[in-house]
Amino acid sequence: MLRKVLIGIGIGAGVIVLAIGGFLFAALQGLPSLEELEHYVPPVTSRVHAGDGALVAEFAREQRVFVPIEQIPDNVKNAFISAEDQHFFEHSGVDYQGLTRAMLTNVLNVLRGRRLEGASTITQQVAGNMLTGRERNVYRKIREAVLAQRVEKVLDKDRILELYLNQIYLGNHAFGVAAAALNYFDKPLSELTLGEASFLAVLPKGPGNYDPREPRGLARALARRDYVLHNMVERGFITQAQATAAHNEQIVTHDRLAGDQYVAASQYVEEIRRQVQAQYGEQALYDGGLSIRSTLNTGYQLIAARALRSGLEAYDRRHAWRGPI
């Protein structure tokens, strides 16, 4: 009898091991090669400039301006590390200490009906963006973890951080910190204040939850920004006096590429889009980071648009017709 029980247990264990092995084998199929990882570059926005150099339009599937790590200010880098992965420079792709802490916390979160916490490192997030699909499940998390450790073997920490800061989605159509600085504050990275940099570091957790243009979103964003500033002080990135000054900053957003001059140029810009796509292809236009200089004069274009509108309105008034009754 004991022998049969032991045989049954052995068969059951074998089936479980085979099932886990098959699951892992399937999960690890199709991961990017080391060579792909070394040469990975995210898609970049193509930009259209007027004759005087003013930016008038952008074409992109993902609005992104790629900035080398050397040109990203320390406050931006340190804010994101403090918000997303405080042990970034110590772990090898997976933060097992943070993972264990998140698992224990999530047991309590389930019992209390709260939202589950994640434990993805910056490297895992980079790895996740290299994979196709956006589903969040155990299958994908295993792929992320394995790929993250491969990433750590072929790329140094600065390159990983560079990819992360240039590819992460931060809401408001912005992928990467440079595009976010422009879309939220109409500023280059070099002009961001500490308060603005720490605000951007809040957004990876869920841009929709921290939209500064919505009162509740702004309140949540400011509360989490204080958490980021606290962590920056704890790690010695900034002083308490700097954190206090940043805490007192107002978040003022700007609606970039909005205004009469951009509306007036829309037909001209559409013709540029057609010609560039025909000559260089759709992928180059929307992913290739082209810099397109046109002969457009935004001032003259706006004058022409106003003159056309005025003429149409005058013609309409002269003929006294306002449409069907």
C-alpha atoms as a PDB file:
ATOM      1  CA  MET A   1       0.000   0.000   0.000  1.00  0.00           C
ATOM      2  CA  LEU A   2       2.760   2.434   0.967  1.00  0.00           C
ATOM      3  CA  ARG A   3       4.545   1.567  -2.263  1.00  0.00           C
ATOM      4  CA  LYS A   4       1.463   2.475  -4.317  1.00  0.00           C
ATOM      5  CA  VAL A   5       1.118   5.760  -2.454  1.00  0.00           C
ATOM      6  CA  LEU A   6       4.753   6.619  -3.089  1.00  0.00           C
ATOM      7  CA  ILE A   7       4.415   5.703  -6.777  1.00  0.00           C
ATOM      8  CA  GLY A   8       1.328   7.882  -7.029  1.00  0.00           C
ATOM      9  CA  ILE A   9       3.092  10.801  -5.368  1.00  0.00           C
ATOM     10  CA  GLY A  10       6.080  10.330  -7.709  1.00  0.00           C
ATOM     11  CA  ILE A  11       3.852  10.295 -10.790  1.00  0.00           C
ATOM     12  CA  GLY A  12       1.980  13.377  -9.573  1.00  0.00           C
ATOM     13  CA  ALA A  13       5.226  15.229  -8.884  1.00  0.00           C
ATOM     14  CA  GLY A  14       6.550  14.250 -12.294  1.00  0.00           C
ATOM     15  CA  VAL A  15       3.430  15.565 -14.014  1.00  0.00           C
ATOM     16  CA  ILE A  16       3.733  18.858 -12.111  1.00  0.00           C
ATOM     17  CA  VAL A  17       7.426  19.196 -13.020  1.00  0.00           C
ATOM     18  CA  LEU A  18       6.677  18.465 -16.693  1.00  0.00           C
ATOM     19  CA  ALA A  19       3.811  20.969 -16.689  1.00  0.00           C
ATOM     20  CA  ILE A  20       5.986  23.693 -15.139  1.00  0.00           C
ATOM     21  CA  GLY A  21       8.821  22.858 -17.521  1.00  0.00           C
ATOM     22  CA  GLY A  22       6.490  23.030 -20.519  1.00  0.00           C
ATOM     23  CA  PHE A  23       5.090  26.364 -19.304  1.00  0.00           C
ATOM     24  CA  LEU A  24       8.568  27.840 -18.872  1.00  0.00           C
ATOM     25  CA  PHE A  25       9.723  26.479 -22.246  1.00  0.00           C
ATOM     26  CA  ALA A  26       6.736  28.112 -23.980  1.00  0.00           C
ATOM     27  CA  ALA A  27       7.200  31.372 -22.062  1.00  0.00           C
ATOM     28  CA  LEU A  28      10.837  31.707 -23.114  1.00  0.00           C
ATOM     29  CA  GLN A  29      10.283  31.147 -26.841  1.00  0.00           C
ATOM     30  CA  GLY A  30      10.805  34.084 -29.180  1.00  0.00           C
ATOM     31  CA  LEU A  31      12.744  36.322 -26.793  1.00  0.00           C
ATOM     32  CA  PRO A  32      14.993  38.903 -28.507  1.00  0.00           C
ATOM     33  CA  SER A  33      18.558  37.768 -29.138  1.00  0.00           C
ATOM     34  CA  LEU A  34      21.558  39.376 -27.439  1.00  0.00           C
ATOM     35  CA  GLU A  35      22.433  41.089 -30.715  1.00  0.00           C
ATOM     36  CA  GLU A  36      18.931  42.582 -30.935  1.00  0.00           C
ATOM     37  CA  LEU A  37      19.277  43.864 -27.385  1.00  0.00           C
ATOM     38  CA  GLU A  38      22.630  45.532 -28.097  1.00  0.00           C
ATOM     39  CA  HIS A  39      21.262  47.387 -31.129  1.00  0.00           C
ATOM     40  CA  TYR A  40      17.776  48.154 -29.847  1.00  0.00           C
ATOM     41  CA  VAL A  41      16.579  51.691 -30.590  1.00  0.00           C
ATOM     42  CA  PRO A  42      12.961  52.795 -29.907  1.00  0.00           C
ATOM     43  CA  PRO A  43      10.984  54.627 -32.628  1.00  0.00           C
ATOM     44  CA  VAL A  44      11.448  58.410 -32.726  1.00  0.00           C
ATOM     45  CA  THR A  45       9.145  61.280 -33.782  1.00  0.00           C
ATOM     46  CA  SER A  46       9.625  63.001 -37.137  1.00  0.00           C
ATOM     47  CA  ARG A  47       9.342  66.782 -36.873  1.00  0.00           C
ATOM     48  CA  VAL A  48       8.383  69.442 -39.443  1.00  0.00           C
ATOM     49  CA  HIS A  49       9.947  72.907 -39.188  1.00  0.00           C
ATOM     50  CA  ALA A  50       8.942  76.130 -40.920  1.00  0.00           C
ATOM     51  CA  GLY A  51      11.391  78.182 -42.950  1.00  0.00           C
ATOM     52  CA  ASP A  52      12.418  80.145 -39.841  1.00  0.00           C
ATOM     53  CA  GLY A  53      13.064  76.938 -37.876  1.00  0.00           C
ATOM     54  CA  ALA A  54       9.859  77.004 -35.813  1.00  0.00           C
ATOM     55  CA  LEU A  55       8.322  73.602 -35.107  1.00  0.00           C
ATOM     56  CA  VAL A  56       4.939  73.305 -36.840  1.00  0.00           C
ATOM     57  CA  ALA A  57       4.044  69.584 -36.768  1.00  0.00           C
ATOM     58  CA  GLU A  58       5.098  66.117 -35.639  1.00  0.00           C
ATOM     59  CA  PHE A  59       4.451  62.676 -37.126  1.00  0.00           C
ATOM     60  CA  ALA A  60       4.733  59.635 -34.892  1.00  0.00           C
ATOM     61  CA  ARG A  61       3.116  56.443 -33.705  1.00  0.00           C
ATOM     62  CA  GLU A  62       4.843  57.172 -30.399  1.00  0.00           C
ATOM     63  CA  GLN A  63       5.793  60.809 -29.718  1.00  0.00           C
ATOM     64  CA  ARG A  64       9.426  60.528 -28.671  1.00  0.00           C
ATOM     65  CA  VAL A  65      12.584  62.656 -28.800  1.00  0.00           C
ATOM     66  CA  PHE A  66      15.591  60.435 -28.100  1.00  0.00           C
ATOM     67  CA  VAL A  67      18.103  62.060 -25.727  1.00  0.00           C
ATOM     68  CA  PRO A  68      21.488  60.447 -24.882  1.00  0.00           C
ATOM     69  CA  ILE A  69      21.974  59.658 -21.205  1.00  0.00           C
ATOM     70  CA  GLU A  70      24.777  62.245 -20.935  1.00  0.00           C
ATOM     71  CA  GLN A  71      22.295  65.015 -21.819  1.00  0.00           C
ATOM     72  CA  ILE A  72      19.599  63.966 -19.347  1.00  0.00           C
ATOM     73  CA  PRO A  73      19.853  66.101 -16.163  1.00  0.00           C
ATOM     74  CA  ASP A  74      20.756  64.353 -12.910  1.00  0.00           C
ATOM     75  CA  ASN A  75      17.531  65.516 -11.257  1.00  0.00           C
ATOM     76  CA  VAL A  76      15.500  63.688 -13.924  1.00  0.00           C
ATOM     77  CA  LYS A  77      17.529  60.470 -13.656  1.00  0.00           C
ATOM     78  CA  ASN A  78      17.534  60.510  -9.859  1.00  0.00           C
ATOM     79  CA  ALA A  79      13.805  61.259  -9.632  1.00  0.00           C
ATOM     80  CA  PHE A  80      12.894  58.236 -11.761  1.00  0.00           C
ATOM     81  CA  ILE A  81      15.289  55.939  -9.887  1.00  0.00           C
ATOM     82  CA  SER A  82      13.819  57.145  -6.579  1.00  0.00           C
ATOM     83  CA  ALA A  83      10.261  56.575  -7.820  1.00  0.00           C
ATOM     84  CA  GLU A  84      10.617  53.326  -9.742  1.00  0.00           C
ATOM     85  CA  ASP A  85      13.687  51.325  -8.703  1.00  0.00           C
ATOM     86  CA  GLN A  86      15.721  52.481  -5.721  1.00  0.00           C
ATOM     87  CA  HIS A  87      18.084  49.481  -5.992  1.00  0.00           C
ATOM     88  CA  PHE A  88      18.657  49.938  -9.735  1.00  0.00           C
ATOM     89  CA  PHE A  89      22.448  50.100  -9.469  1.00  0.00           C
ATOM     90  CA  GLU A  90      22.646  47.092  -7.108  1.00  0.00           C
ATOM     91  CA  HIS A  91      20.453  44.386  -8.706  1.00  0.00           C
ATOM     92  CA  SER A  92      21.116  42.248 -11.792  1.00  0.00           C
ATOM     93  CA  GLY A  93      17.768  42.824 -13.501  1.00  0.00           C
ATOM     94  CA  VAL A  94      15.361  41.497 -10.863  1.00  0.00           C
ATOM     95  CA  ASP A  95      15.093  42.987  -7.370  1.00  0.00           C
ATOM     96  CA  TYR A  96      14.366  39.879  -5.300  1.00  0.00           C
ATOM     97  CA  GLN A  97      14.149  41.890  -2.081  1.00  0.00           C
ATOM     98  CA  GLY A  98      11.559  44.199  -3.603  1.00  0.00           C
ATOM     99  CA  LEU A  99       9.745  41.233  -5.168  1.00  0.00           C
ATOM    100  CA  THR A 100       9.462  39.474  -1.796  1.00  0.00           C
ATOM    101  CA  ARG A 101       8.235  42.651  -0.123  1.00  0.00           C
ATOM    102  CA  ALA A 102       5.612  43.205  -2.864  1.00  0.00           C
ATOM    103  CA  MET A 103       4.372  39.603  -2.568  1.00  0.00           C
ATOM    104  CA  LEU A 104       3.908  39.953   1.195  1.00  0.00           C
ATOM    105  CA  THR A 105       2.220  43.337   0.798  1.00  0.00           C
ATOM    106  CA  ASN A 106      -0.091  41.961  -1.901  1.00  0.00           C
ATOM    107  CA  VAL A 107      -1.362  39.263   0.457  1.00  0.00           C
ATOM    108  CA  LEU A 108      -2.632  42.073   2.705  1.00  0.00           C
ATOM    109  CA  ASN A 109      -3.886  44.042  -0.302  1.00  0.00           C
ATOM    110  CA  VAL A 110      -5.991  41.085  -1.446  1.00  0.00           C
ATOM    111  CA  LEU A 111      -7.483  40.687   2.030  1.00  0.00           C
ATOM    112  CA  ARG A 112      -8.266  44.416   2.186  1.00  0.00           C
ATOM    113  CA  GLY A 113      -9.539  44.647  -1.393  1.00  0.00           C
ATOM    114  CA  ARG A 114      -6.814  47.080  -2.416  1.00  0.00           C
ATOM    115  CA  ARG A 115      -4.921  47.425  -5.699  1.00  0.00           C
ATOM    116  CA  LEU A 116      -1.999  45.009  -6.095  1.00  0.00           C
ATOM    117  CA  GLU A 117       1.546  46.406  -6.141  1.00  0.00           C
ATOM    118  CA  GLY A 118       4.051  45.682  -8.890  1.00  0.00           C
ATOM    119  CA  ALA A 119       7.715  44.904  -8.371  1.00  0.00           C
ATOM    120  CA  SER A 120       9.178  45.468 -11.816  1.00  0.00           C
ATOM    121  CA  THR A 121      12.643  46.973 -11.924  1.00  0.00           C
ATOM    122  CA  ILE A 122      13.643  49.582 -14.487  1.00  0.00           C
ATOM    123  CA  THR A 123      15.422  46.794 -16.395  1.00  0.00           C
ATOM    124  CA  GLN A 124      12.258  44.683 -16.407  1.00  0.00           C
ATOM    125  CA  GLN A 125      10.268  47.626 -17.734  1.00  0.00           C
ATOM    126  CA  VAL A 126      12.806  48.083 -20.541  1.00  0.00           C
ATOM    127  CA  ALA A 127      12.566  44.355 -21.275  1.00  0.00           C
ATOM    128  CA  GLY A 128       8.775  44.529 -21.234  1.00  0.00           C
ATOM    129  CA  ASN A 129       8.768  47.300 -23.826  1.00  0.00           C
ATOM    130  CA  MET A 130      10.897  45.132 -26.116  1.00  0.00           C
ATOM    131  CA  LEU A 131       8.266  42.372 -26.028  1.00  0.00           C
ATOM    132  CA  THR A 132       5.148  42.483 -28.161  1.00  0.00           C
ATOM    133  CA  GLY A 133       1.762  42.850 -26.500  1.00  0.00           C
ATOM    134  CA  ARG A 134       0.709  44.684 -23.335  1.00  0.00           C
ATOM    135  CA  GLU A 135      -0.987  41.911 -21.335  1.00  0.00           C
ATOM    136  CA  ARG A 136      -0.091  41.621 -17.648  1.00  0.00           C
ATOM    137  CA  ASN A 137       0.059  38.024 -16.452  1.00  0.00           C
ATOM    138  CA  VAL A 138       2.456  35.443 -14.990  1.00  0.00           C
ATOM    139  CA  TYR A 139       3.492  34.269 -18.470  1.00  0.00           C
ATOM    140  CA  ARG A 140       4.631  37.758 -19.459  1.00  0.00           C
ATOM    141  CA  LYS A 141       6.267  38.487 -16.085  1.00  0.00           C
ATOM    142  CA  ILE A 142       8.459  35.383 -16.475  1.00  0.00           C
ATOM    143  CA  ARG A 143       9.494  36.530 -19.955  1.00  0.00           C
ATOM    144  CA  GLU A 144      10.267  40.019 -18.589  1.00  0.00           C
ATOM    145  CA  ALA A 145      12.373  38.659 -15.739  1.00  0.00           C
ATOM    146  CA  VAL A 146      14.466  36.371 -17.968  1.00  0.00           C
ATOM    147  CA  LEU A 147      14.893  39.051 -20.631  1.00  0.00           C
ATOM    148  CA  ALA A 148      15.830  41.631 -17.967  1.00  0.00           C
ATOM    149  CA  GLN A 149      18.738  39.469 -16.821  1.00  0.00           C
ATOM    150  CA  ARG A 150      19.845  39.046 -20.447  1.00  0.00           C
ATOM    151  CA  VAL A 151      19.672  42.835 -20.860  1.00  0.00           C
ATOM    152  CA  GLU A 152      21.914  43.296 -17.807  1.00  0.00           C
ATOM    153  CA  LYS A 153      24.532  41.011 -19.368  1.00  0.00           C
ATOM    154  CA  VAL A 154      24.876  42.944 -22.628  1.00  0.00           C
ATOM    155  CA  LEU A 155      24.102  46.543 -21.631  1.00  0.00           C
ATOM    156  CA  ASP A 156      25.591  48.670 -18.866  1.00  0.00           C
ATOM    157  CA  LYS A 157      23.412  50.510 -16.354  1.00  0.00           C
ATOM    158  CA  ASP A 158      23.692  53.872 -18.130  1.00  0.00           C
ATOM    159  CA  ARG A 159      22.491  52.371 -21.413  1.00  0.00           C
ATOM    160  CA  ILE A 160      19.583  50.612 -19.677  1.00  0.00           C
ATOM    161  CA  LEU A 161      18.583  53.847 -17.942  1.00  0.00           C
ATOM    162  CA  GLU A 162      18.911  55.706 -21.252  1.00  0.00           C
ATOM    163  CA  LEU A 163      16.519  53.275 -22.949  1.00  0.00           C
ATOM    164  CA  TYR A 164      14.091  53.446 -20.049  1.00  0.00           C
ATOM    165  CA  LEU A 165      13.965  57.246 -19.882  1.00  0.00           C
ATOM    166  CA  ASN A 166      13.501  57.458 -23.646  1.00  0.00           C
ATOM    167  CA  GLN A 167      10.813  54.815 -24.068  1.00  0.00           C
ATOM    168  CA  ILE A 168       8.553  54.907 -20.983  1.00  0.00           C
ATOM    169  CA  TYR A 169       4.984  56.135 -21.627  1.00  0.00           C
ATOM    170  CA  LEU A 170       4.177  59.219 -19.539  1.00  0.00           C
ATOM    171  CA  GLY A 171       0.732  60.200 -20.786  1.00  0.00           C
ATOM    172  CA  ASN A 172      -0.313  63.239 -22.852  1.00  0.00           C
ATOM    173  CA  HIS A 173       0.880  61.378 -26.003  1.00  0.00           C
ATOM    174  CA  ALA A 174       4.472  61.443 -24.685  1.00  0.00           C
ATOM    175  CA  PHE A 175       6.918  58.535 -24.768  1.00  0.00           C
ATOM    176  CA  GLY A 176      10.130  59.306 -22.910  1.00  0.00           C
ATOM    177  CA  VAL A 177      11.120  62.177 -20.653  1.00  0.00           C
ATOM    178  CA  ALA A 178      12.085  64.623 -23.408  1.00  0.00           C
ATOM    179  CA  ALA A 179       8.703  64.381 -25.136  1.00  0.00           C
ATOM    180  CA  ALA A 180       6.966  64.620 -21.744  1.00  0.00           C
ATOM    181  CA  ALA A 181       8.907  67.776 -20.838  1.00  0.00           C
ATOM    182  CA  LEU A 182       7.726  69.332 -24.100  1.00  0.00           C
ATOM    183  CA  ASN A 183       4.124  68.094 -23.973  1.00  0.00           C
ATOM    184  CA  TYR A 184       3.500  69.020 -20.335  1.00  0.00           C
ATOM    185  CA  PHE A 185       5.702  72.079 -19.825  1.00  0.00           C
ATOM    186  CA  ASP A 186       6.824  73.142 -23.340  1.00  0.00           C
ATOM    187  CA  LYS A 187      10.426  72.989 -22.107  1.00  0.00           C
ATOM    188  CA  PRO A 188      13.575  71.062 -23.017  1.00  0.00           C
ATOM    189  CA  LEU A 189      14.863  68.700 -20.315  1.00  0.00           C
ATOM    190  CA  SER A 190      17.663  71.080 -19.382  1.00  0.00           C
ATOM    191  CA  GLU A 191      15.133  73.721 -18.235  1.00  0.00           C
ATOM    192  CA  LEU A 192      12.980  71.514 -15.991  1.00  0.00           C
ATOM    193  CA  THR A 193      12.779  72.490 -12.338  1.00  0.00           C
ATOM    194  CA  LEU A 194      13.207  69.859  -9.623  1.00  0.00           C
ATOM    195  CA  GLY A 195       9.460  69.996  -8.989  1.00  0.00           C
ATOM    196  CA  GLU A 196       8.693  69.360 -12.663  1.00  0.00           C
ATOM    197  CA  ALA A 197      11.262  66.541 -12.926  1.00  0.00           C
ATOM    198  CA  SER A 198       9.862  64.802  -9.840  1.00  0.00           C
ATOM    199  CA  PHE A 199       6.327  65.238 -11.233  1.00  0.00           C
ATOM    200  CA  LEU A 200       7.303  63.402 -14.440  1.00  0.00           C
ATOM    201  CA  ALA A 201       8.716  60.573 -12.301  1.00  0.00           C
ATOM    202  CA  VAL A 202       5.230  60.089 -10.832  1.00  0.00           C
ATOM    203  CA  LEU A 203       3.644  59.259 -14.192  1.00  0.00           C
ATOM    204  CA  PRO A 204       4.867  55.710 -15.035  1.00  0.00           C
ATOM    205  CA  LYS A 205       2.573  54.260 -12.330  1.00  0.00           C
ATOM    206  CA  GLY A 206      -0.457  55.378 -14.337  1.00  0.00           C
ATOM    207  CA  PRO A 207      -0.509  58.646 -16.304  1.00  0.00           C
ATOM    208  CA  GLY A 208      -4.296  58.742 -16.353  1.00  0.00           C
ATOM    209  CA  ASN A 209      -4.434  58.721 -12.561  1.00  0.00           C
ATOM    210  CA  TYR A 210      -2.094  61.717 -12.266  1.00  0.00           C
ATOM    211  CA  ASP A 211      -3.354  64.027 -15.027  1.00  0.00           C
ATOM    212  CA  PRO A 212      -2.490  67.565 -13.792  1.00  0.00           C
ATOM    213  CA  ARG A 213      -5.244  69.080 -15.942  1.00  0.00           C
ATOM    214  CA  GLU A 214      -7.878  67.357 -13.768  1.00  0.00           C
ATOM    215  CA  PRO A 215      -8.212  68.463 -10.087  1.00  0.00           C
ATOM    216  CA  ARG A 216      -8.268  64.979  -8.551  1.00  0.00           C
ATOM    217  CA  GLY A 217      -5.425  63.853 -10.799  1.00  0.00           C
ATOM    218  CA  LEU A 218      -3.364  66.887  -9.809  1.00  0.00           C
ATOM    219  CA  ALA A 219      -3.941  66.226  -6.103  1.00  0.00           C
ATOM    220  CA  ARG A 220      -2.832  62.599  -6.474  1.00  0.00           C
ATOM    221  CA  ALA A 221       0.191  63.673  -8.551  1.00  0.00           C
ATOM    222  CA  LEU A 222       1.335  66.205  -5.959  1.00  0.00           C
ATOM    223  CA  ALA A 223       0.997  63.663  -3.139  1.00  0.00           C
ATOM    224  CA  ARG A 224       3.084  61.106  -5.010  1.00  0.00           C
ATOM    225  CA  ARG A 225       5.575  63.812  -6.051  1.00  0.00           C
ATOM    226  CA  ASP A 226       6.212  64.416  -2.345  1.00  0.00           C
ATOM    227  CA  TYR A 227       6.929  60.689  -1.977  1.00  0.00           C
ATOM    228  CA  VAL A 228       9.488  60.920  -4.807  1.00  0.00           C
ATOM    229  CA  LEU A 229      11.114  63.979  -3.234  1.00  0.00           C
ATOM    230  CA  HIS A 230      11.274  62.178   0.136  1.00  0.00           C
ATOM    231  CA  ASN A 231      13.054  59.231  -1.484  1.00  0.00           C
ATOM    232  CA  MET A 232      15.490  61.580  -3.239  1.00  0.00           C
ATOM    233  CA  VAL A 233      16.385  63.113   0.125  1.00  0.00           C
ATOM    234  CA  GLU A 234      16.751  59.666   1.718  1.00  0.00           C
ATOM    235  CA  ARG A 235      19.200  58.586  -0.987  1.00  0.00           C
ATOM    236  CA  GLY A 236      21.202  61.812  -0.776  1.00  0.00           C
ATOM    237  CA  PHE A 237      20.301  63.037  -4.271  1.00  0.00           C
ATOM    238  CA  ILE A 238      18.971  66.380  -2.957  1.00  0.00           C
ATOM    239  CA  THR A 239      18.831  68.279   0.339  1.00  0.00           C
ATOM    240  CA  GLN A 240      15.741  68.740   2.466  1.00  0.00           C
ATOM    241  CA  ALA A 241      15.768  72.449   1.573  1.00  0.00           C
ATOM    242  CA  GLN A 242      15.647  71.572  -2.153  1.00  0.00           C
ATOM    243  CA  ALA A 243      12.810  69.119  -1.534  1.00  0.00           C
ATOM    244  CA  THR A 244      10.834  71.764   0.370  1.00  0.00           C
ATOM    245  CA  ALA A 245      11.288  74.281  -2.439  1.00  0.00           C
ATOM    246  CA  ALA A 246      10.168  71.695  -5.019  1.00  0.00           C
ATOM    247  CA  HIS A 247       7.164  70.801  -2.848  1.00  0.00           C
ATOM    248  CA  ASN A 248       6.053  74.447  -2.980  1.00  0.00           C
ATOM    249  CA  GLU A 249       6.263  74.639  -6.787  1.00  0.00           C
ATOM    250  CA  GLN A 250       3.056  74.950  -8.804  1.00  0.00           C
ATOM    251  CA  ILE A 251       2.509  72.518 -11.681  1.00  0.00           C
ATOM    252  CA  VAL A 252       1.535  74.598 -14.727  1.00  0.00           C
ATOM    253  CA  THR A 253       0.996  72.690 -17.979  1.00  0.00           C
ATOM    254  CA  HIS A 254       0.982  74.052 -21.541  1.00  0.00           C
ATOM    255  CA  ASP A 255      -0.949  72.961 -24.636  1.00  0.00           C
ATOM    256  CA  ARG A 256       1.854  72.671 -27.160  1.00  0.00           C
ATOM    257  CA  LEU A 257       1.340  72.974 -30.943  1.00  0.00           C
ATOM    258  CA  ALA A 258      -2.076  74.550 -30.348  1.00  0.00           C
ATOM    259  CA  GLY A 259      -3.012  77.895 -31.865  1.00  0.00           C
ATOM    260  CA  ASP A 260      -4.231  79.611 -35.030  1.00  0.00           C
ATOM    261  CA  GLN A 261      -0.846  79.420 -36.760  1.00  0.00           C
ATOM    262  CA  TYR A 262      -0.808  75.610 -36.541  1.00  0.00           C
ATOM    263  CA  VAL A 263      -4.390  75.311 -37.775  1.00  0.00           C
ATOM    264  CA  ALA A 264      -3.581  77.633 -40.691  1.00  0.00           C
ATOM    265  CA  ALA A 265      -0.623  75.445 -41.676  1.00  0.00           C
ATOM    266  CA  SER A 266      -2.516  72.138 -41.483  1.00  0.00           C
ATOM    267  CA  GLN A 267      -3.161  71.707 -45.235  1.00  0.00           C
ATOM    268  CA  TYR A 268       0.443  72.601 -46.079  1.00  0.00           C
ATOM    269  CA  VAL A 269       1.683  70.117 -43.462  1.00  0.00           C
ATOM    270  CA  GLU A 270      -0.612  67.391 -44.827  1.00  0.00           C
ATOM    271  CA  GLU A 271       0.942  67.784 -48.278  1.00  0.00           C
ATOM    272  CA  ILE A 272       4.393  67.483 -46.694  1.00  0.00           C
ATOM    273  CA  ARG A 273       3.264  64.259 -44.994  1.00  0.00           C
ATOM    274  CA  ARG A 274       2.059  62.775 -48.283  1.00  0.00           C
ATOM    275  CA  GLN A 275       5.250  63.612 -50.160  1.00  0.00           C
ATOM    276  CA  VAL A 276       7.621  62.396 -47.423  1.00  0.00           C
ATOM    277  CA  GLN A 277       5.704  59.146 -46.990  1.00  0.00           C
ATOM    278  CA  ALA A 278       5.722  58.554 -50.748  1.00  0.00           C
ATOM    279  CA  GLN A 279       9.477  59.189 -50.971  1.00  0.00           C
ATOM    280  CA  TYR A 280      10.784  57.561 -47.772  1.00  0.00           C
ATOM    281  CA  GLY A 281       8.019  55.210 -46.658  1.00  0.00           C
ATOM    282  CA  GLU A 282       5.620  55.049 -43.722  1.00  0.00           C
ATOM    283  CA  GLN A 283       8.095  53.570 -41.240  1.00  0.00           C
ATOM    284  CA  ALA A 284      10.693  56.276 -41.822  1.00  0.00           C
ATOM    285  CA  LEU A 285       8.039  58.977 -41.495  1.00  0.00           C
ATOM    286  CA  TYR A 286       6.417  57.725 -38.276  1.00  0.00           C
ATOM    287  CA  ASP A 287       9.329  55.944 -36.551  1.00  0.00           C
ATOM    288  CA  GLY A 288      12.538  57.271 -38.105  1.00  0.00           C
ATOM    289  CA  GLY A 289      12.996  60.622 -36.373  1.00  0.00           C
ATOM    290  CA  LEU A 290      13.211  62.634 -39.610  1.00  0.00           C
ATOM    291  CA  SER A 291      13.893  66.368 -39.385  1.00  0.00           C
ATOM    292  CA  ILE A 292      11.902  68.025 -42.178  1.00  0.00           C
ATOM    293  CA  ARG A 293      12.643  71.662 -43.061  1.00  0.00           C
ATOM    294  CA  SER A 294       9.954  73.316 -45.199  1.00  0.00           C
ATOM    295  CA  THR A 295       9.579  76.708 -46.899  1.00  0.00           C
ATOM    296  CA  LEU A 296       6.462  77.462 -44.854  1.00  0.00           C
ATOM    297  CA  ASN A 297       6.172  81.003 -43.494  1.00  0.00           C
ATOM    298  CA  THR A 298       3.797  80.694 -40.535  1.00  0.00           C
ATOM    299  CA  GLY A 299       3.150  84.451 -40.401  1.00  0.00           C
ATOM    300  CA  TYR A 300       2.121  84.682 -44.065  1.00  0.00           C
ATOM    301  CA  GLN A 301       0.107  81.467 -43.772  1.00  0.00           C
ATOM    302  CA  LEU A 302      -1.871  82.897 -40.865  1.00  0.00           C
ATOM    303  CA  ILE A 303      -2.494  86.174 -42.755  1.00  0.00           C
ATOM    304  CA  ALA A 304      -3.693  84.206 -45.786  1.00  0.00           C
ATOM    305  CA  ALA A 305      -6.020  82.042 -43.669  1.00  0.00           C
ATOM    306  CA  ARG A 306      -7.540  85.117 -41.997  1.00  0.00           C
ATOM    307  CA  ALA A 307      -7.948  86.887 -45.354  1.00  0.00           C
ATOM    308  CA  LEU A 308      -9.684  83.820 -46.822  1.00  0.00           C
ATOM    309  CA  ARG A 309     -12.046  83.550 -43.847  1.00  0.00           C
ATOM    310  CA  SER A 310     -12.814  87.278 -43.985  1.00  0.00           C
ATOM    311  CA  GLY A 311     -13.510  87.100 -47.734  1.00  0.00           C
ATOM    312  CA  LEU A 312     -15.815  84.091 -47.365  1.00  0.00           C
ATOM    313  CA  GLU A 313     -17.755  85.782 -44.566  1.00  0.00           C
ATOM    314  CA  ALA A 314     -18.094  89.001 -46.631  1.00  0.00           C
ATOM    315  CA  TYR A 315     -19.273  87.025 -49.682  1.00  0.00           C
ATOM    316  CA  ASP A 316     -21.811  85.202 -47.515  1.00  0.00           C
ATOM    317  CA  ARG A 317     -23.193  88.460 -46.110  1.00  0.00           C
ATOM    318  CA  ARG A 318     -23.478  90.037 -49.582  1.00  0.00           C
ATOM    319  CA  HIS A 319     -25.578  87.162 -50.865  1.00  0.00           C
ATOM    320  CA  ALA A 320     -27.791  87.043 -47.749  1.00  0.00           C
ATOM    321  CA  TRP A 321     -28.007  83.253 -47.573  1.00  0.00           C
ATOM    322  CA  ARG A 322     -27.577  81.382 -44.299  1.00  0.00           C
ATOM    323  CA  GLY A 323     -28.458  77.828 -45.284  1.00  0.00           C
ATOM    324  CA  PRO A 324     -31.753  75.859 -45.439  1.00  0.00           C
ATOM    325  CA  ILE A 325     -34.596  76.886 -43.145  1.00  0.00           C
END
